[in-house]
Amino acid sequence: VQLQACGGGLAQAGGSLELSCAASVPTFYRYAMGWFRQAPGKEREFVASVSWSGRNTNYADSVKGRFTISRDNANKMVYLRMKKLKPEDTAVYYCAADDNTVSGSVPDQARAYEYWGQGTQVTVSS
């Protein structure tokens, strides 16, 4: 399984960015997908996750109402739409895939995910 994340960049506080992650796996529809982030000097933290079908989602409290995770199973893509960005959102963002789930699962623990992308930098200026 390979995950390729892109879409990061520089944004001003209050602005928007959209991250995307392309997966190279035949059974993408059987993977729960998640986004995590890691800021300098901090541990990797959960941002959002989405279930197989996309029907169920889970968000960290810090991004709830501002970020939206979605997926396109036909094209094996997962997205993270980020609005009302804050300087504290600055981090390297990683997409991750979990194949040890059941339908509807939206894991928020990094250890649940078996596969990780390379990360994309998001920088929010004040």
N, C-alpha and C. Protein backbone atom coordinates (compact mmCIF):
# COMPACT_ATOMS: atom_id res chain seq x y z
N VAL A 1 0.85 -1.18 0.00
CA VAL A 1 0.00 0.00 0.00
C VAL A 1 0.89 1.24 0.00
N GLN A 2 0.63 2.12 -0.94
CA GLN A 2 1.35 3.40 -0.96
C GLN A 2 0.34 4.53 -0.87
N LEU A 3 0.68 5.52 -0.08
CA LEU A 3 -0.16 6.69 0.11
C LEU A 3 0.65 7.93 -0.26
N GLN A 4 0.08 8.75 -1.10
CA GLN A 4 0.75 9.96 -1.56
C GLN A 4 -0.11 11.16 -1.22
N ALA A 5 0.35 11.94 -0.25
CA ALA A 5 -0.39 13.13 0.17
C ALA A 5 0.16 14.37 -0.52
N CYS A 6 -0.74 15.29 -0.83
CA CYS A 6 -0.31 16.55 -1.41
C CYS A 6 -1.35 17.62 -1.08
N GLY A 7 -1.02 18.86 -1.44
CA GLY A 7 -1.95 19.95 -1.22
C GLY A 7 -1.57 20.89 -0.12
N GLY A 8 -0.50 20.57 0.60
CA GLY A 8 -0.08 21.47 1.66
C GLY A 8 0.49 22.75 1.09
N GLY A 9 0.79 23.68 1.98
CA GLY A 9 1.35 24.94 1.54
C GLY A 9 1.21 25.98 2.61
N LEU A 10 1.27 27.23 2.18
CA LEU A 10 1.20 28.36 3.10
C LEU A 10 -0.17 29.02 2.98
N ALA A 11 -0.77 29.31 4.13
CA ALA A 11 -2.05 30.00 4.15
C ALA A 11 -2.04 31.02 5.27
N GLN A 12 -2.87 32.01 5.13
CA GLN A 12 -3.03 32.98 6.20
C GLN A 12 -4.09 32.50 7.18
N ALA A 13 -3.99 32.96 8.38
CA ALA A 13 -5.00 32.64 9.38
C ALA A 13 -6.38 33.05 8.84
N GLY A 14 -7.33 32.13 9.01
CA GLY A 14 -8.66 32.36 8.49
C GLY A 14 -8.87 31.83 7.09
N GLY A 15 -7.79 31.42 6.45
CA GLY A 15 -7.87 30.92 5.09
C GLY A 15 -8.19 29.44 5.03
N SER A 16 -8.08 28.89 3.82
CA SER A 16 -8.45 27.50 3.57
C SER A 16 -7.38 26.80 2.76
N LEU A 17 -7.30 25.50 2.97
CA LEU A 17 -6.47 24.62 2.16
C LEU A 17 -7.18 23.28 2.05
N GLU A 18 -6.89 22.55 0.98
CA GLU A 18 -7.41 21.20 0.87
C GLU A 18 -6.27 20.24 0.61
N LEU A 19 -6.19 19.23 1.43
CA LEU A 19 -5.20 18.18 1.26
C LEU A 19 -5.86 17.00 0.56
N SER A 20 -5.08 16.30 -0.22
CA SER A 20 -5.57 15.08 -0.85
C SER A 20 -4.55 13.98 -0.67
N CYS A 21 -5.03 12.76 -0.73
CA CYS A 21 -4.17 11.60 -0.54
C CYS A 21 -4.62 10.52 -1.51
N ALA A 22 -3.70 10.09 -2.34
CA ALA A 22 -3.98 9.04 -3.31
C ALA A 22 -3.45 7.71 -2.79
N ALA A 23 -4.27 6.69 -2.89
CA ALA A 23 -3.89 5.37 -2.39
C ALA A 23 -3.73 4.39 -3.54
N SER A 24 -2.69 3.60 -3.45
CA SER A 24 -2.49 2.56 -4.46
C SER A 24 -2.75 1.21 -3.81
N VAL A 25 -4.01 0.85 -3.76
CA VAL A 25 -4.41 -0.43 -3.18
C VAL A 25 -5.71 -0.85 -3.85
N PRO A 26 -5.81 -2.10 -4.28
CA PRO A 26 -7.02 -2.53 -5.00
C PRO A 26 -8.29 -2.42 -4.18
N THR A 27 -8.17 -2.73 -2.89
CA THR A 27 -9.36 -2.77 -2.04
C THR A 27 -9.45 -1.53 -1.16
N PHE A 28 -9.25 -0.39 -1.74
CA PHE A 28 -9.27 0.87 -0.98
C PHE A 28 -10.56 1.01 -0.18
N TYR A 29 -11.65 0.51 -0.72
CA TYR A 29 -12.95 0.66 -0.09
C TYR A 29 -13.07 -0.10 1.23
N ARG A 30 -12.08 -0.95 1.52
CA ARG A 30 -12.08 -1.72 2.76
C ARG A 30 -11.14 -1.13 3.82
N TYR A 31 -10.62 0.06 3.57
CA TYR A 31 -9.71 0.69 4.50
C TYR A 31 -10.37 1.90 5.15
N ALA A 32 -10.30 1.96 6.47
CA ALA A 32 -10.59 3.22 7.13
C ALA A 32 -9.40 4.15 6.86
N MET A 33 -9.68 5.40 6.66
CA MET A 33 -8.63 6.37 6.33
C MET A 33 -8.60 7.48 7.37
N GLY A 34 -7.40 7.94 7.65
CA GLY A 34 -7.27 9.00 8.64
C GLY A 34 -6.24 10.04 8.25
N TRP A 35 -6.35 11.19 8.87
CA TRP A 35 -5.35 12.24 8.78
C TRP A 35 -4.81 12.51 10.18
N PHE A 36 -3.51 12.63 10.25
CA PHE A 36 -2.82 12.99 11.48
C PHE A 36 -1.90 14.16 11.18
N ARG A 37 -1.41 14.80 12.22
CA ARG A 37 -0.46 15.89 12.01
C ARG A 37 0.57 15.89 13.12
N GLN A 38 1.71 16.47 12.79
CA GLN A 38 2.77 16.57 13.78
C GLN A 38 3.44 17.92 13.63
N ALA A 39 3.36 18.69 14.69
CA ALA A 39 4.02 19.99 14.73
C ALA A 39 5.42 19.83 15.31
N PRO A 40 6.32 20.75 15.04
CA PRO A 40 7.69 20.64 15.56
C PRO A 40 7.70 20.52 17.07
N GLY A 41 8.42 19.52 17.55
CA GLY A 41 8.56 19.34 18.99
C GLY A 41 7.36 18.70 19.66
N LYS A 42 6.38 18.31 18.86
CA LYS A 42 5.18 17.71 19.45
C LYS A 42 4.96 16.30 18.90
N GLU A 43 4.13 15.55 19.59
CA GLU A 43 3.81 14.21 19.14
C GLU A 43 2.77 14.27 18.00
N ARG A 44 2.76 13.21 17.22
CA ARG A 44 1.77 13.12 16.17
C ARG A 44 0.38 13.03 16.79
N GLU A 45 -0.56 13.76 16.24
CA GLU A 45 -1.90 13.77 16.80
C GLU A 45 -2.95 13.50 15.74
N PHE A 46 -4.03 12.94 16.19
CA PHE A 46 -5.17 12.63 15.33
C PHE A 46 -5.85 13.90 14.88
N VAL A 47 -6.27 13.91 13.61
CA VAL A 47 -7.03 15.04 13.07
C VAL A 47 -8.44 14.60 12.69
N ALA A 48 -8.54 13.59 11.84
CA ALA A 48 -9.85 13.14 11.37
C ALA A 48 -9.74 11.75 10.77
N SER A 49 -10.86 11.04 10.75
CA SER A 49 -10.90 9.73 10.10
C SER A 49 -12.25 9.53 9.45
N VAL A 50 -12.27 8.61 8.48
CA VAL A 50 -13.50 8.33 7.74
C VAL A 50 -13.60 6.83 7.53
N SER A 51 -14.82 6.32 7.60
CA SER A 51 -15.06 4.88 7.47
C SER A 51 -15.03 4.45 6.01
N TRP A 52 -15.16 3.14 5.83
CA TRP A 52 -15.10 2.58 4.48
C TRP A 52 -15.96 3.34 3.48
N SER A 53 -17.20 3.52 3.83
CA SER A 53 -18.16 4.09 2.89
C SER A 53 -18.10 5.61 2.84
N GLY A 54 -17.48 6.19 3.86
CA GLY A 54 -17.50 7.64 3.99
C GLY A 54 -18.65 8.15 4.81
N ARG A 55 -19.51 7.24 5.24
CA ARG A 55 -20.70 7.66 5.97
C ARG A 55 -20.36 8.14 7.38
N ASN A 56 -19.39 7.50 7.99
CA ASN A 56 -19.00 7.86 9.37
C ASN A 56 -17.69 8.64 9.37
N THR A 57 -17.66 9.68 10.16
CA THR A 57 -16.45 10.48 10.31
C THR A 57 -16.18 10.75 11.78
N ASN A 58 -14.94 11.09 12.07
CA ASN A 58 -14.51 11.36 13.43
C ASN A 58 -13.51 12.50 13.37
N TYR A 59 -13.60 13.44 14.29
CA TYR A 59 -12.72 14.61 14.28
C TYR A 59 -12.15 14.88 15.65
N ALA A 60 -10.93 15.38 15.67
CA ALA A 60 -10.38 15.91 16.90
C ALA A 60 -11.16 17.17 17.28
N ASP A 61 -11.30 17.39 18.56
CA ASP A 61 -12.04 18.57 19.01
C ASP A 61 -11.45 19.87 18.46
N SER A 62 -10.15 19.88 18.29
CA SER A 62 -9.48 21.11 17.86
C SER A 62 -9.81 21.51 16.42
N VAL A 63 -10.33 20.57 15.64
CA VAL A 63 -10.63 20.88 14.24
C VAL A 63 -12.11 20.74 13.91
N LYS A 64 -12.88 20.27 14.85
CA LYS A 64 -14.30 20.04 14.61
C LYS A 64 -14.98 21.35 14.20
N GLY A 65 -15.76 21.27 13.13
CA GLY A 65 -16.44 22.45 12.62
C GLY A 65 -15.62 23.25 11.63
N ARG A 66 -14.33 22.96 11.53
CA ARG A 66 -13.46 23.69 10.60
C ARG A 66 -12.93 22.79 9.49
N PHE A 67 -12.67 21.52 9.82
CA PHE A 67 -12.10 20.58 8.86
C PHE A 67 -13.18 19.56 8.46
N THR A 68 -13.07 19.10 7.22
CA THR A 68 -13.98 18.08 6.72
C THR A 68 -13.18 17.01 6.00
N ILE A 69 -13.37 15.77 6.42
CA ILE A 69 -12.72 14.65 5.74
C ILE A 69 -13.75 13.99 4.83
N SER A 70 -13.28 13.55 3.67
CA SER A 70 -14.15 12.86 2.72
C SER A 70 -13.30 11.90 1.90
N ARG A 71 -13.97 11.03 1.19
CA ARG A 71 -13.25 10.05 0.38
C ARG A 71 -13.99 9.79 -0.92
N ASP A 72 -13.25 9.35 -1.91
CA ASP A 72 -13.77 8.98 -3.22
C ASP A 72 -13.25 7.59 -3.50
N ASN A 73 -14.06 6.58 -3.23
CA ASN A 73 -13.60 5.20 -3.37
C ASN A 73 -13.33 4.82 -4.82
N ALA A 74 -14.07 5.41 -5.73
CA ALA A 74 -13.86 5.08 -7.15
C ALA A 74 -12.48 5.49 -7.62
N ASN A 75 -11.99 6.60 -7.09
CA ASN A 75 -10.68 7.11 -7.49
C ASN A 75 -9.60 6.91 -6.43
N LYS A 76 -9.98 6.21 -5.35
CA LYS A 76 -9.02 5.85 -4.30
C LYS A 76 -8.34 7.10 -3.73
N MET A 77 -9.18 8.06 -3.36
CA MET A 77 -8.69 9.31 -2.82
C MET A 77 -9.35 9.61 -1.49
N VAL A 78 -8.62 10.29 -0.63
CA VAL A 78 -9.18 10.83 0.60
C VAL A 78 -8.76 12.29 0.68
N TYR A 79 -9.66 13.12 1.20
CA TYR A 79 -9.43 14.56 1.22
C TYR A 79 -9.59 15.10 2.64
N LEU A 80 -8.93 16.22 2.87
CA LEU A 80 -9.12 16.96 4.11
C LEU A 80 -9.28 18.42 3.74
N ARG A 81 -10.51 18.90 3.84
CA ARG A 81 -10.79 20.28 3.56
C ARG A 81 -10.63 21.06 4.87
N MET A 82 -9.77 22.06 4.87
CA MET A 82 -9.46 22.82 6.08
C MET A 82 -9.88 24.27 5.87
N LYS A 83 -10.73 24.75 6.75
CA LYS A 83 -11.20 26.13 6.70
C LYS A 83 -10.88 26.82 8.02
N LYS A 84 -10.98 28.13 8.01
CA LYS A 84 -10.74 28.94 9.21
C LYS A 84 -9.43 28.52 9.87
N LEU A 85 -8.41 28.40 9.09
CA LEU A 85 -7.12 27.94 9.59
C LEU A 85 -6.56 28.85 10.65
N LYS A 86 -5.86 28.24 11.59
CA LYS A 86 -5.22 28.95 12.69
C LYS A 86 -3.72 28.66 12.67
N PRO A 87 -2.92 29.54 13.22
CA PRO A 87 -1.47 29.27 13.27
C PRO A 87 -1.16 27.94 13.95
N GLU A 88 -1.97 27.55 14.91
CA GLU A 88 -1.72 26.28 15.61
C GLU A 88 -2.03 25.05 14.76
N ASP A 89 -2.57 25.26 13.57
CA ASP A 89 -2.77 24.15 12.63
C ASP A 89 -1.49 23.84 11.86
N THR A 90 -0.48 24.68 12.02
CA THR A 90 0.79 24.45 11.34
C THR A 90 1.41 23.13 11.77
N ALA A 91 1.67 22.28 10.80
CA ALA A 91 2.21 20.95 11.08
C ALA A 91 2.47 20.23 9.76
N VAL A 92 3.13 19.10 9.86
CA VAL A 92 3.18 18.16 8.74
C VAL A 92 1.97 17.25 8.87
N TYR A 93 1.20 17.14 7.80
CA TYR A 93 -0.01 16.34 7.81
C TYR A 93 0.23 15.02 7.09
N TYR A 94 -0.22 13.95 7.71
CA TYR A 94 -0.04 12.61 7.18
C TYR A 94 -1.38 11.94 6.95
N CYS A 95 -1.51 11.26 5.82
CA CYS A 95 -2.67 10.40 5.66
C CYS A 95 -2.27 8.97 6.01
N ALA A 96 -3.23 8.21 6.46
CA ALA A 96 -2.96 6.87 6.95
C ALA A 96 -4.12 5.95 6.60
N ALA A 97 -3.81 4.66 6.45
CA ALA A 97 -4.80 3.67 6.09
C ALA A 97 -4.79 2.52 7.08
N ASP A 98 -5.98 2.08 7.44
CA ASP A 98 -6.15 1.00 8.40
C ASP A 98 -6.97 -0.11 7.76
N ASP A 99 -6.37 -1.28 7.56
CA ASP A 99 -7.10 -2.38 6.92
C ASP A 99 -7.65 -3.37 7.92
N ASN A 100 -7.48 -3.12 9.20
CA ASN A 100 -7.95 -4.05 10.23
C ASN A 100 -9.19 -3.48 10.91
N THR A 101 -10.19 -3.19 10.10
CA THR A 101 -11.39 -2.55 10.64
C THR A 101 -12.64 -3.28 10.16
N VAL A 102 -13.74 -2.84 10.69
CA VAL A 102 -15.03 -3.28 10.20
C VAL A 102 -15.74 -2.06 9.65
N SER A 103 -16.74 -2.32 8.85
CA SER A 103 -17.48 -1.22 8.27
C SER A 103 -17.99 -0.28 9.35
N GLY A 104 -17.81 1.01 9.14
CA GLY A 104 -18.27 1.99 10.10
C GLY A 104 -17.22 2.46 11.07
N SER A 105 -16.08 1.77 11.12
CA SER A 105 -15.04 2.12 12.07
C SER A 105 -14.34 3.41 11.67
N VAL A 106 -14.06 4.25 12.64
CA VAL A 106 -13.36 5.51 12.42
C VAL A 106 -12.28 5.68 13.50
N PRO A 107 -11.21 4.91 13.42
CA PRO A 107 -10.20 4.91 14.48
C PRO A 107 -9.49 6.25 14.62
N ASP A 108 -9.15 6.57 15.87
CA ASP A 108 -8.45 7.83 16.13
C ASP A 108 -7.08 7.62 16.79
N GLN A 109 -6.65 6.37 16.87
CA GLN A 109 -5.35 6.08 17.44
C GLN A 109 -4.34 5.78 16.34
N ALA A 110 -3.19 6.42 16.38
CA ALA A 110 -2.18 6.22 15.33
C ALA A 110 -1.77 4.76 15.22
N ARG A 111 -1.74 4.06 16.34
CA ARG A 111 -1.27 2.67 16.33
C ARG A 111 -2.24 1.76 15.58
N ALA A 112 -3.45 2.24 15.30
CA ALA A 112 -4.43 1.44 14.56
C ALA A 112 -4.12 1.40 13.07
N TYR A 113 -3.32 2.32 12.60
CA TYR A 113 -3.08 2.47 11.16
C TYR A 113 -1.80 1.77 10.75
N GLU A 114 -1.90 0.97 9.72
CA GLU A 114 -0.77 0.18 9.26
C GLU A 114 0.07 0.90 8.21
N TYR A 115 -0.54 1.79 7.46
CA TYR A 115 0.14 2.40 6.32
C TYR A 115 0.07 3.92 6.43
N TRP A 116 1.20 4.55 6.08
CA TRP A 116 1.31 6.00 6.22
C TRP A 116 1.90 6.62 4.97
N GLY A 117 1.41 7.80 4.64
CA GLY A 117 2.00 8.57 3.57
C GLY A 117 3.21 9.34 4.05
N GLN A 118 3.81 10.10 3.16
CA GLN A 118 5.06 10.76 3.47
C GLN A 118 4.89 12.11 4.17
N GLY A 119 3.70 12.63 4.20
CA GLY A 119 3.46 13.90 4.88
C GLY A 119 3.53 15.09 3.95
N THR A 120 2.73 16.09 4.25
CA THR A 120 2.75 17.34 3.49
C THR A 120 2.68 18.49 4.47
N GLN A 121 3.50 19.50 4.27
CA GLN A 121 3.62 20.60 5.21
C GLN A 121 2.49 21.61 5.02
N VAL A 122 1.88 21.99 6.12
CA VAL A 122 0.90 23.07 6.15
C VAL A 122 1.42 24.13 7.11
N THR A 123 1.52 25.34 6.61
CA THR A 123 1.99 26.46 7.43
C THR A 123 0.95 27.57 7.39
N VAL A 124 0.51 27.98 8.57
CA VAL A 124 -0.49 29.03 8.67
C VAL A 124 0.13 30.23 9.36
N SER A 125 0.13 31.34 8.67
CA SER A 125 0.72 32.56 9.23
C SER A 125 -0.36 33.41 9.88
N SER A 126 0.06 34.11 10.91
CA SER A 126 -0.91 34.95 11.66
C SER A 126 -1.02 36.34 11.04
